[in-house]
Amino acid sequence: MTGPGDQNPQQPQWQQPPAQPDPQQGWQGNGPQSSASGQHPTGQSGQQSPYGQSPTQSSGSGDQQSGQYGQQQGQYGQQTGQYGQQSGQYSQQSGQYGQTGQYGQTGQTGQYGQQDTGQYGQQPAEQYAQAPGGYGQAPYGQGGGSYDGGAGQPPKKKLSKKGLTGIIAGGSALLLIIVGGIVGVSIGNSLHAPEVTVKGYLDALKAGDAEEALKLSGTEVTAADVLLTDEAYKEASGKVSGYTIGKTTTSGDTATVQARLTQGGESVDQEFTLTKVGKDAVLFDKWKLEAPELSTVQVDVVAPDDAVATVGGVDLTDVEPIAEGSYQLRALPGTYDVALSESDWYSAEATTATALGYGQTAEPATLSVALTDAGTTAIEEAVNTYIDGCGASTEIAPTGCPYEIRNATGYTPSGVTWTFDTRPTFTVGEFNGTGWSVESETVGRMSMTCTLTDPATGQTGPGGGGPVDFNVGGTVEGFTDEGATFVPLP
């Protein structure tokens, strides 16, 4: 084995660096530390570790040799001054070749006779152009060629900060797209849940928008549904003022949604049914609310035929009754005013009809008319007119009157006069569906005077009869502009 200063007969003479105007200063003993980037360890100038020393394993990028030979240390791996500082990359040799810190020293191989191709004549020109000063940085310690260690291959480029930022940004964007997609699907499902349709329906009811609610539920409206309009519903009180959505159950293409409605200070439990009718945006189920069975309000009108009843401000003139004076109307949840058209003769106390929730029939709201003072007076006048008419009769048996005197004498009466001994009193009853009944309270008494003629002789003489007791009775069927219409009992 030769020493560090001996020449290897198979190696060329060491080539010297070009002379410089200023000679190189001697190296100090605290040279740069060896690191993963290829810098040499500190040591005395010119000192080399023995060839036989085995290098230790390292994860660095070139500080240690990968062959049998030791790692040479020296001051020549880095120069100061005009030569330019040689970077630690020049001390790296690929493959099995050793690292040197001396100018022009070939990398050591497993065999002494092999030389590194990294001599001056074979060094790439672009390396010189990178050195500051008059001389380029020559990769003195780095051998060229195509050895097993990868020499000759272009060095791997480190990812720039901009590129790394782009990759991170791209990855973040992809992550955001994935997360956004998941969130979007989740939001989409929640926006297309069955209870969302129910909420829209109940919100329309809260806002008093009957037509929108009916549209959302697909409720068919006919001419008889006079309460299923915005106008009628806006007049209603005790509408749905709040709600709470409960459990939703889905089975196949059918969903049921439980809800608790707040209506007129009461809580009403209601179940809504929905049917799946396809997809929205390919991914999301579309649900259609099945028309709930509406509650009905019943209005019974006990009034003359010419009376006009109104429910929720809508008159029932064109509505077919289910029975005489009885009407049933479908209605959205709410309380509706029930009233009778104004009349001088009678009136009915206004009332209300409440459609509570769905599928229920409310207690009938009854409009029973009562006579006004004018109506009572008109009836009294009509009955008294009737009595007076009977009293003014010239017949011993007035037609349509409650009294008469029979002639059993065979004489012919004439000049008949009726005189009231006592006028009857009477009462007027409640409207009974056909009119107001009139009944005697006290009995009347009438007497009659006349002239009798003997048909055989022609002789005449005074005649008469009575007193006769009678009662007055009948029905006031209605009113006209002239007053009440009294129909006496036969």
Protein backbone atom coordinates (compact mmCIF):
# COMPACT_ATOMS: atom_id res chain seq x y z
CA MET A 1 0.00 0.00 0.00
CA THR A 2 1.30 3.45 -0.87
CA GLY A 3 0.99 6.48 1.26
CA PRO A 4 -1.05 9.54 0.48
CA GLY A 5 1.95 11.24 -1.09
CA ASP A 6 2.94 8.41 -3.42
CA GLN A 7 1.88 8.39 -6.99
CA ASN A 8 -0.08 5.56 -8.31
CA PRO A 9 1.62 4.36 -11.45
CA GLN A 10 -1.78 3.86 -13.13
CA GLN A 11 -3.00 7.37 -12.42
CA PRO A 12 -2.04 10.50 -14.38
CA GLN A 13 -0.12 13.33 -12.80
CA TRP A 14 -2.32 15.60 -10.72
CA GLN A 15 -3.19 18.63 -12.69
CA GLN A 16 -2.66 21.91 -10.98
CA PRO A 17 -5.13 24.75 -10.97
CA PRO A 18 -4.22 27.80 -12.97
CA ALA A 19 -2.06 30.32 -11.26
CA GLN A 20 -3.76 33.34 -9.81
CA PRO A 21 -2.51 36.85 -9.21
CA ASP A 22 -2.79 36.34 -5.50
CA PRO A 23 -1.49 33.08 -4.09
CA GLN A 24 -3.88 31.06 -2.07
CA GLN A 25 -3.70 31.43 1.61
CA GLY A 26 -3.12 28.38 3.74
CA TRP A 27 -6.14 26.66 5.14
CA GLN A 28 -7.02 27.00 8.74
CA GLY A 29 -7.85 23.98 10.78
CA ASN A 30 -11.57 24.72 11.14
CA GLY A 31 -12.81 24.13 7.65
CA PRO A 32 -16.48 23.71 6.83
CA GLN A 33 -18.41 20.90 8.49
CA SER A 34 -19.51 17.93 6.47
CA SER A 35 -23.28 17.78 5.96
CA ALA A 36 -25.90 16.13 3.87
CA SER A 37 -25.38 18.75 1.16
CA GLY A 38 -21.87 17.57 0.37
CA GLN A 39 -19.56 19.88 2.37
CA HIS A 40 -16.31 18.41 3.69
CA PRO A 41 -15.54 17.96 7.35
CA THR A 42 -13.05 20.18 9.15
CA GLY A 43 -9.39 19.17 9.16
CA GLN A 44 -5.82 20.27 8.46
CA SER A 45 -4.84 21.20 4.97
CA GLY A 46 -3.45 18.35 3.03
CA GLN A 47 -4.49 15.70 5.50
CA GLN A 48 -6.22 12.68 4.12
CA SER A 49 -7.73 9.81 5.88
CA PRO A 50 -6.07 6.46 5.19
CA TYR A 51 -7.39 4.61 2.17
CA GLY A 52 -8.08 1.55 4.17
CA GLN A 53 -10.54 3.27 6.49
CA SER A 54 -14.09 2.10 5.91
CA PRO A 55 -16.72 4.84 5.72
CA THR A 56 -19.72 4.79 7.96
CA GLN A 57 -23.26 4.50 6.54
CA SER A 58 -25.11 7.73 6.11
CA SER A 59 -28.39 8.92 4.69
CA GLY A 60 -26.76 12.03 3.24
CA SER A 61 -26.45 12.86 -0.42
CA GLY A 62 -22.75 12.25 -0.88
CA ASP A 63 -20.63 12.91 2.22
CA GLN A 64 -19.48 9.33 2.45
CA GLN A 65 -18.12 6.94 -0.05
CA SER A 66 -20.12 3.91 -1.08
CA GLY A 67 -17.14 1.66 -1.80
CA GLN A 68 -14.32 0.08 0.16
CA TYR A 69 -12.33 3.24 0.51
CA GLY A 70 -12.36 5.80 3.21
CA GLN A 71 -13.57 9.30 3.06
CA GLN A 72 -10.86 11.81 2.29
CA GLN A 73 -10.89 15.02 4.12
CA GLY A 74 -9.03 18.08 3.15
CA GLN A 75 -8.94 21.71 2.70
CA TYR A 76 -9.04 21.61 -1.07
CA GLY A 77 -12.78 20.84 -1.34
CA GLN A 78 -13.52 24.55 -0.80
CA GLN A 79 -11.48 27.53 -1.96
CA THR A 80 -11.76 31.13 -0.98
CA GLY A 81 -10.77 34.20 -2.85
CA GLN A 82 -10.80 34.54 -6.60
CA TYR A 83 -11.14 30.89 -7.31
CA GLY A 84 -14.73 31.02 -6.19
CA GLN A 85 -16.20 28.88 -3.56
CA GLN A 86 -16.80 25.43 -4.74
CA SER A 87 -20.03 23.97 -3.57
CA GLY A 88 -20.23 20.76 -1.69
CA GLN A 89 -21.76 19.12 -4.72
CA TYR A 90 -18.37 18.83 -6.41
CA SER A 91 -17.10 16.58 -3.66
CA GLN A 92 -19.76 14.00 -4.48
CA GLN A 93 -18.82 11.09 -6.57
CA SER A 94 -21.41 8.72 -7.93
CA GLY A 95 -21.42 5.05 -7.58
CA GLN A 96 -18.41 3.44 -5.95
CA TYR A 97 -15.99 6.32 -6.35
CA GLY A 98 -14.52 8.22 -3.47
CA GLN A 99 -14.80 11.87 -2.71
CA THR A 100 -11.72 14.11 -2.73
CA GLY A 101 -11.25 17.64 -1.78
CA GLN A 102 -8.14 18.13 -3.99
CA TYR A 103 -7.91 19.79 -7.36
CA GLY A 104 -8.19 17.38 -10.20
CA GLN A 105 -7.92 14.29 -8.05
CA THR A 106 -9.74 11.45 -9.58
CA GLY A 107 -12.37 9.60 -7.64
CA GLN A 108 -11.11 6.46 -6.08
CA THR A 109 -12.55 3.27 -7.40
CA GLY A 110 -12.67 -0.21 -6.15
CA GLN A 111 -9.51 -0.79 -8.24
CA TYR A 112 -6.59 1.60 -8.25
CA GLY A 113 -6.21 1.49 -11.97
CA GLN A 114 -9.67 2.97 -12.72
CA GLN A 115 -9.92 6.68 -13.05
CA ASP A 116 -12.76 9.05 -12.70
CA THR A 117 -13.71 10.77 -15.89
CA GLY A 118 -14.31 13.97 -13.99
CA GLN A 119 -10.91 15.50 -15.08
CA TYR A 120 -10.54 18.92 -16.55
CA GLY A 121 -10.78 17.84 -20.12
CA GLN A 122 -14.08 16.06 -19.56
CA GLN A 123 -15.82 18.50 -17.35
CA PRO A 124 -19.00 20.13 -18.68
CA ALA A 125 -18.48 23.69 -19.85
CA GLU A 126 -21.57 25.05 -18.16
CA GLN A 127 -19.99 24.44 -14.78
CA TYR A 128 -17.28 27.01 -15.45
CA ALA A 129 -19.72 29.64 -16.44
CA GLN A 130 -21.34 29.53 -13.04
CA ALA A 131 -18.26 30.42 -10.98
CA PRO A 132 -17.79 34.02 -9.88
CA GLY A 133 -14.50 35.70 -10.65
CA GLY A 134 -12.01 34.77 -13.33
CA TYR A 135 -12.37 31.02 -13.10
CA GLY A 136 -15.29 28.67 -13.18
CA GLN A 137 -16.23 26.18 -10.55
CA ALA A 138 -14.98 22.89 -11.78
CA PRO A 139 -16.48 19.73 -10.40
CA TYR A 140 -13.06 18.54 -9.39
CA GLY A 141 -14.17 15.84 -7.03
CA GLN A 142 -17.19 14.72 -9.07
CA GLY A 143 -16.53 12.14 -11.70
CA GLY A 144 -18.43 12.00 -14.97
CA GLY A 145 -19.38 9.03 -16.98
CA SER A 146 -22.00 6.38 -16.73
CA TYR A 147 -21.04 4.50 -13.64
CA ASP A 148 -23.42 2.56 -11.46
CA GLY A 149 -23.81 5.37 -8.97
CA GLY A 150 -25.83 7.43 -11.43
CA ALA A 151 -23.08 9.76 -12.72
CA GLY A 152 -24.00 11.27 -16.03
CA GLN A 153 -27.67 11.45 -15.17
CA PRO A 154 -29.01 14.99 -14.79
CA PRO A 155 -29.39 15.94 -11.15
CA LYS A 156 -32.93 15.84 -9.86
CA LYS A 157 -34.41 19.26 -9.69
CA LYS A 158 -35.77 20.36 -6.39
CA LEU A 159 -39.42 21.39 -6.47
CA SER A 160 -39.66 25.15 -6.42
CA LYS A 161 -41.64 26.93 -3.75
CA LYS A 162 -44.03 28.14 -6.41
CA GLY A 163 -44.50 24.62 -7.73
CA LEU A 164 -44.95 23.24 -4.25
CA THR A 165 -47.48 25.98 -3.54
CA GLY A 166 -49.30 25.07 -6.74
CA ILE A 167 -49.43 21.40 -5.81
CA ILE A 168 -50.65 22.24 -2.33
CA ALA A 169 -53.20 24.65 -3.78
CA GLY A 170 -54.31 22.06 -6.31
CA GLY A 171 -54.58 19.42 -3.64
CA SER A 172 -56.46 21.81 -1.42
CA ALA A 173 -58.78 22.70 -4.27
CA LEU A 174 -59.42 19.01 -4.96
CA LEU A 175 -60.06 18.44 -1.26
CA LEU A 176 -62.39 21.42 -1.21
CA ILE A 177 -64.23 20.06 -4.26
CA ILE A 178 -64.63 16.67 -2.60
CA VAL A 179 -65.68 18.18 0.71
CA GLY A 180 -67.87 20.68 -1.10
CA GLY A 181 -69.46 17.87 -3.06
CA ILE A 182 -70.20 15.93 0.10
CA VAL A 183 -71.54 19.03 1.79
CA GLY A 184 -73.51 19.91 -1.34
CA VAL A 185 -75.14 16.49 -1.50
CA SER A 186 -75.92 16.67 2.20
CA ILE A 187 -77.45 20.12 1.81
CA GLY A 188 -79.30 19.01 -1.31
CA ASN A 189 -80.80 16.05 0.50
CA SER A 190 -81.88 18.24 3.40
CA LEU A 191 -83.46 20.74 1.00
CA HIS A 192 -85.40 17.95 -0.71
CA ALA A 193 -86.52 16.12 2.44
CA PRO A 194 -90.27 15.40 2.71
CA GLU A 195 -90.66 17.69 5.69
CA VAL A 196 -89.41 20.65 3.61
CA THR A 197 -92.52 20.41 1.43
CA VAL A 198 -94.72 20.24 4.52
CA LYS A 199 -92.98 23.30 5.94
CA GLY A 200 -93.63 25.23 2.73
CA TYR A 201 -97.31 24.31 2.91
CA LEU A 202 -97.66 25.34 6.56
CA ASP A 203 -95.69 28.54 5.98
CA ALA A 204 -98.18 29.50 3.27
CA LEU A 205 -101.02 28.94 5.74
CA LYS A 206 -99.26 31.11 8.32
CA ALA A 207 -98.93 33.87 5.73
CA GLY A 208 -102.63 33.62 4.86
CA ASP A 209 -101.81 32.53 1.32
CA ALA A 210 -104.59 30.01 0.75
CA GLU A 211 -104.07 29.69 -2.98
CA GLU A 212 -100.38 28.83 -2.57
CA ALA A 213 -101.16 26.27 0.12
CA LEU A 214 -103.82 24.66 -2.06
CA LYS A 215 -101.41 24.61 -4.98
CA LEU A 216 -98.66 22.93 -2.93
CA SER A 217 -101.09 20.28 -1.71
CA GLY A 218 -102.74 19.74 -5.09
CA THR A 219 -106.22 20.35 -3.67
CA GLU A 220 -108.90 20.59 -6.34
CA VAL A 221 -111.26 23.53 -5.84
CA THR A 222 -114.84 23.65 -7.14
CA ALA A 223 -117.39 26.46 -7.38
CA ALA A 224 -118.95 25.29 -4.12
CA ASP A 225 -115.65 25.81 -2.24
CA VAL A 226 -116.34 29.46 -1.54
CA LEU A 227 -114.05 29.43 1.50
CA LEU A 228 -110.99 28.15 -0.36
CA THR A 229 -109.91 31.56 -1.57
CA ASP A 230 -107.41 34.14 -0.42
CA GLU A 231 -110.24 36.60 0.28
CA ALA A 232 -112.14 34.23 2.57
CA TYR A 233 -109.02 32.93 4.30
CA LYS A 234 -107.71 36.39 5.03
CA GLU A 235 -110.99 37.15 6.80
CA ALA A 236 -110.54 34.09 9.02
CA SER A 237 -109.14 34.25 12.52
CA GLY A 238 -107.54 31.49 14.55
CA LYS A 239 -105.46 30.34 11.59
CA VAL A 240 -102.28 28.30 11.86
CA SER A 241 -99.89 30.58 13.74
CA GLY A 242 -97.07 28.10 14.30
CA TYR A 243 -96.07 24.50 13.96
CA THR A 244 -93.50 21.94 15.01
CA ILE A 245 -92.32 19.21 12.67
CA GLY A 246 -92.06 15.82 14.30
CA LYS A 247 -91.00 12.41 13.05
CA THR A 248 -90.64 11.66 9.35
CA THR A 249 -91.13 8.06 8.23
CA THR A 250 -90.25 6.89 4.73
CA SER A 251 -91.37 3.60 3.23
CA GLY A 252 -90.61 3.12 -0.44
CA ASP A 253 -92.19 5.94 -2.39
CA THR A 254 -94.32 7.13 0.53
CA ALA A 255 -93.37 9.40 3.41
CA THR A 256 -95.36 10.54 6.41
CA VAL A 257 -94.53 13.66 8.38
CA GLN A 258 -95.87 14.30 11.85
CA ALA A 259 -96.62 17.90 12.77
CA ARG A 260 -98.14 19.74 15.68
CA LEU A 261 -100.03 22.85 14.67
CA THR A 262 -100.78 25.84 16.84
CA GLN A 263 -104.22 27.11 15.93
CA GLY A 264 -106.23 29.62 17.89
CA GLY A 265 -104.33 28.88 21.08
CA GLU A 266 -104.84 25.14 20.70
CA SER A 267 -102.42 22.40 19.68
CA VAL A 268 -103.55 20.10 16.90
CA ASP A 269 -101.64 16.98 15.85
CA GLN A 270 -101.66 16.27 12.15
CA GLU A 271 -100.05 13.71 9.85
CA PHE A 272 -99.18 14.63 6.27
CA THR A 273 -98.59 12.08 3.51
CA LEU A 274 -96.21 12.61 0.61
CA THR A 275 -95.43 10.60 -2.51
CA LYS A 276 -92.11 10.40 -4.36
CA VAL A 277 -92.56 11.73 -7.89
CA GLY A 278 -89.06 11.49 -9.37
CA LYS A 279 -85.68 13.13 -9.04
CA ASP A 280 -84.47 16.68 -8.95
CA ALA A 281 -81.00 17.34 -10.41
CA VAL A 282 -80.63 13.56 -10.84
CA LEU A 283 -79.55 13.04 -7.22
CA PHE A 284 -82.39 14.26 -5.05
CA ASP A 285 -85.84 12.79 -4.46
CA LYS A 286 -88.84 14.96 -5.29
CA TRP A 287 -91.78 14.68 -2.91
CA LYS A 288 -95.35 15.74 -3.60
CA LEU A 289 -97.70 16.50 -0.76
CA GLU A 290 -100.93 14.57 -0.99
CA ALA A 291 -103.97 16.79 -0.53
CA PRO A 292 -104.98 16.48 3.12
CA GLU A 293 -108.63 15.90 3.88
CA LEU A 294 -109.90 19.34 4.74
CA SER A 295 -112.21 19.95 7.64
CA THR A 296 -115.72 21.22 6.95
CA VAL A 297 -117.80 23.90 8.57
CA GLN A 298 -121.58 23.54 8.70
CA VAL A 299 -123.89 26.50 8.75
CA ASP A 300 -127.61 26.13 9.51
CA VAL A 301 -129.67 29.16 8.58
CA VAL A 302 -133.06 29.54 10.28
CA ALA A 303 -134.40 32.56 8.41
CA PRO A 304 -136.83 33.53 5.66
CA ASP A 305 -136.05 32.52 2.13
CA ASP A 306 -135.01 36.00 1.22
CA ALA A 307 -132.37 36.09 3.95
CA VAL A 308 -128.75 35.86 2.76
CA ALA A 309 -126.18 34.13 4.96
CA THR A 310 -122.47 34.96 4.72
CA VAL A 311 -119.49 32.88 5.85
CA GLY A 312 -116.09 34.51 5.92
CA GLY A 313 -117.64 37.49 4.15
CA VAL A 314 -118.83 35.29 1.27
CA ASP A 315 -122.59 34.94 0.71
CA LEU A 316 -124.12 31.53 0.16
CA THR A 317 -126.68 32.55 -2.45
CA ASP A 318 -125.22 30.28 -5.13
CA VAL A 319 -124.32 27.41 -2.84
CA GLU A 320 -126.54 24.36 -2.92
CA PRO A 321 -127.68 23.43 0.60
CA ILE A 322 -127.40 19.82 1.75
CA ALA A 323 -130.84 20.25 3.33
CA GLU A 324 -133.30 23.07 3.81
CA GLY A 325 -131.25 25.98 5.12
CA SER A 326 -128.19 23.79 5.88
CA TYR A 327 -124.79 24.23 4.21
CA GLN A 328 -121.47 22.36 4.49
CA LEU A 329 -118.29 24.02 3.30
CA ARG A 330 -114.71 22.80 3.07
CA ALA A 331 -112.30 25.09 4.82
CA LEU A 332 -108.64 25.47 5.68
CA PRO A 333 -107.80 25.51 9.39
CA GLY A 334 -109.29 28.64 10.88
CA THR A 335 -112.31 30.30 12.41
CA TYR A 336 -114.80 31.92 10.08
CA ASP A 337 -117.42 34.59 10.83
CA VAL A 338 -120.99 33.53 10.04
CA ALA A 339 -123.59 36.26 9.65
CA LEU A 340 -126.88 37.12 8.00
CA SER A 341 -127.51 39.87 5.55
CA GLU A 342 -128.99 42.99 7.07
CA SER A 343 -132.76 43.45 7.19
CA ASP A 344 -135.08 46.03 8.70
CA TRP A 345 -137.43 43.34 9.97
CA TYR A 346 -135.21 40.73 11.51
CA SER A 347 -131.60 39.94 12.32
CA ALA A 348 -129.48 37.00 13.40
CA GLU A 349 -126.76 37.10 15.99
CA ALA A 350 -123.44 36.61 14.28
CA THR A 351 -121.54 33.51 15.18
CA THR A 352 -118.44 31.62 14.07
CA ALA A 353 -117.58 28.28 12.55
CA THR A 354 -114.18 26.72 13.26
CA ALA A 355 -112.36 24.28 11.04
CA LEU A 356 -109.95 22.72 13.53
CA GLY A 357 -107.05 21.00 11.84
CA TYR A 358 -107.96 18.54 9.12
CA GLY A 359 -110.52 15.84 8.47
CA GLN A 360 -113.04 17.06 11.05
CA THR A 361 -116.58 18.37 10.86
CA ALA A 362 -117.13 21.37 13.06
CA GLU A 363 -120.16 21.82 15.26
CA PRO A 364 -122.87 23.51 13.19
CA ALA A 365 -123.02 27.26 13.38
CA THR A 366 -126.67 28.25 13.48
CA LEU A 367 -128.10 31.54 12.37
CA SER A 368 -131.51 32.00 14.00
CA VAL A 369 -133.24 35.19 13.10
CA ALA A 370 -135.05 37.40 15.56
CA LEU A 371 -137.46 40.19 14.86
CA THR A 372 -136.31 43.70 15.12
CA ASP A 373 -138.61 46.24 16.71
CA ALA A 374 -139.68 47.23 13.26
CA GLY A 375 -140.41 43.63 12.41
CA THR A 376 -142.48 43.11 15.54
CA THR A 377 -144.48 46.25 14.84
CA ALA A 378 -145.01 45.17 11.28
CA ILE A 379 -146.38 41.82 12.38
CA GLU A 380 -148.70 43.37 14.95
CA GLU A 381 -150.00 45.74 12.35
CA ALA A 382 -150.51 42.90 9.91
CA VAL A 383 -152.51 40.79 12.43
CA ASN A 384 -154.60 43.71 13.64
CA THR A 385 -155.32 44.61 10.06
CA TYR A 386 -156.60 41.14 9.60
CA ILE A 387 -158.81 41.34 12.70
CA ASP A 388 -160.09 44.73 11.69
CA GLY A 389 -160.86 43.37 8.28
CA CYS A 390 -162.95 40.63 9.77
CA GLY A 391 -164.73 43.15 11.97
CA ALA A 392 -165.58 45.26 8.95
CA SER A 393 -167.21 42.39 7.16
CA THR A 394 -170.92 42.61 6.16
CA GLU A 395 -171.32 38.90 6.20
CA ILE A 396 -172.68 36.88 9.09
CA ALA A 397 -169.90 34.36 8.25
CA PRO A 398 -166.95 36.43 7.02
CA THR A 399 -164.64 34.48 4.73
CA GLY A 400 -161.30 33.72 6.33
CA CYS A 401 -162.32 35.07 9.68
CA PRO A 402 -162.26 33.12 12.93
CA TYR A 403 -165.89 33.68 13.77
CA GLU A 404 -169.36 33.46 12.25
CA ILE A 405 -173.07 33.36 13.14
CA ARG A 406 -175.36 30.80 11.59
CA ASN A 407 -178.82 31.82 10.35
CA ALA A 408 -181.43 29.27 11.42
CA THR A 409 -184.49 31.60 11.26
CA GLY A 410 -185.25 31.39 7.58
CA TYR A 411 -185.17 35.18 7.34
CA THR A 412 -182.78 37.00 5.14
CA PRO A 413 -180.22 39.15 7.00
CA SER A 414 -179.07 42.44 5.69
CA GLY A 415 -177.15 45.39 7.00
CA VAL A 416 -174.85 43.14 9.03
CA THR A 417 -172.57 44.95 11.46
CA TRP A 418 -169.91 43.41 13.65
CA THR A 419 -168.88 45.00 16.86
CA PHE A 420 -165.92 44.08 18.99
CA ASP A 421 -166.90 43.50 22.53
CA THR A 422 -163.30 42.55 23.28
CA ARG A 423 -160.31 42.61 20.97
CA PRO A 424 -158.10 39.56 21.23
CA THR A 425 -154.44 39.82 22.15
CA PHE A 426 -151.78 37.65 20.53
CA THR A 427 -148.17 36.68 20.60
CA VAL A 428 -145.61 36.18 17.87
CA GLY A 429 -143.43 33.15 18.16
CA GLU A 430 -139.89 32.33 16.98
CA PHE A 431 -139.15 31.79 13.40
CA ASN A 432 -139.86 28.13 12.77
CA GLY A 433 -138.36 27.67 9.36
CA THR A 434 -141.41 28.81 7.49
CA GLY A 435 -142.24 32.02 9.33
CA TRP A 436 -143.29 33.55 12.62
CA SER A 437 -146.30 32.00 14.27
CA VAL A 438 -149.08 34.15 15.66
CA GLU A 439 -151.25 32.85 18.47
CA SER A 440 -154.00 34.37 20.62
CA GLU A 441 -153.02 35.28 24.09
CA THR A 442 -156.57 36.27 25.11
CA VAL A 443 -159.88 35.48 23.46
CA GLY A 444 -161.69 38.12 21.44
CA ARG A 445 -165.42 38.65 21.47
CA MET A 446 -167.64 39.95 18.66
CA SER A 447 -171.34 40.76 18.34
CA MET A 448 -173.35 41.20 15.21
CA THR A 449 -176.41 43.22 14.38
CA CYS A 450 -178.49 43.12 11.21
CA THR A 451 -181.96 43.53 9.63
CA LEU A 452 -184.00 40.44 8.97
CA THR A 453 -186.56 40.20 6.16
CA ASP A 454 -189.28 37.61 5.87
CA PRO A 455 -189.04 36.34 2.35
CA ALA A 456 -192.69 35.22 2.37
CA THR A 457 -194.26 38.50 3.48
CA GLY A 458 -191.48 40.95 2.94
CA GLN A 459 -191.75 42.15 6.46
CA THR A 460 -188.46 43.29 8.15
CA GLY A 461 -187.25 43.52 11.67
CA PRO A 462 -184.01 43.90 13.65
CA GLY A 463 -181.84 40.88 14.08
CA GLY A 464 -178.43 39.99 15.41
CA GLY A 465 -176.25 37.46 17.12
CA GLY A 466 -173.47 36.99 19.56
CA PRO A 467 -171.44 37.66 21.36
CA VAL A 468 -169.06 35.23 19.63
CA ASP A 469 -165.67 34.29 21.13
CA PHE A 470 -162.80 33.76 18.76
CA ASN A 471 -159.05 33.29 18.62
CA VAL A 472 -156.65 34.69 16.10
CA GLY A 473 -153.83 32.59 14.74
CA GLY A 474 -151.65 32.17 11.73
CA THR A 475 -148.16 32.72 10.39
CA VAL A 476 -146.18 35.71 9.22
CA GLU A 477 -144.33 34.21 6.30
CA GLY A 478 -142.16 37.14 5.55
CA PHE A 479 -141.93 40.81 4.79
CA THR A 480 -142.28 43.02 1.82
CA ASP A 481 -141.79 46.72 1.39
CA GLU A 482 -145.37 47.17 2.65
CA GLY A 483 -144.69 45.15 5.78
CA ALA A 484 -145.31 41.67 7.13
CA THR A 485 -147.28 39.08 5.27
CA PHE A 486 -149.75 37.42 7.63
CA VAL A 487 -151.45 34.19 6.62
CA PRO A 488 -154.29 33.31 9.07
CA LEU A 489 -155.17 29.80 9.98
CA PRO A 490 -158.07 28.46 7.95
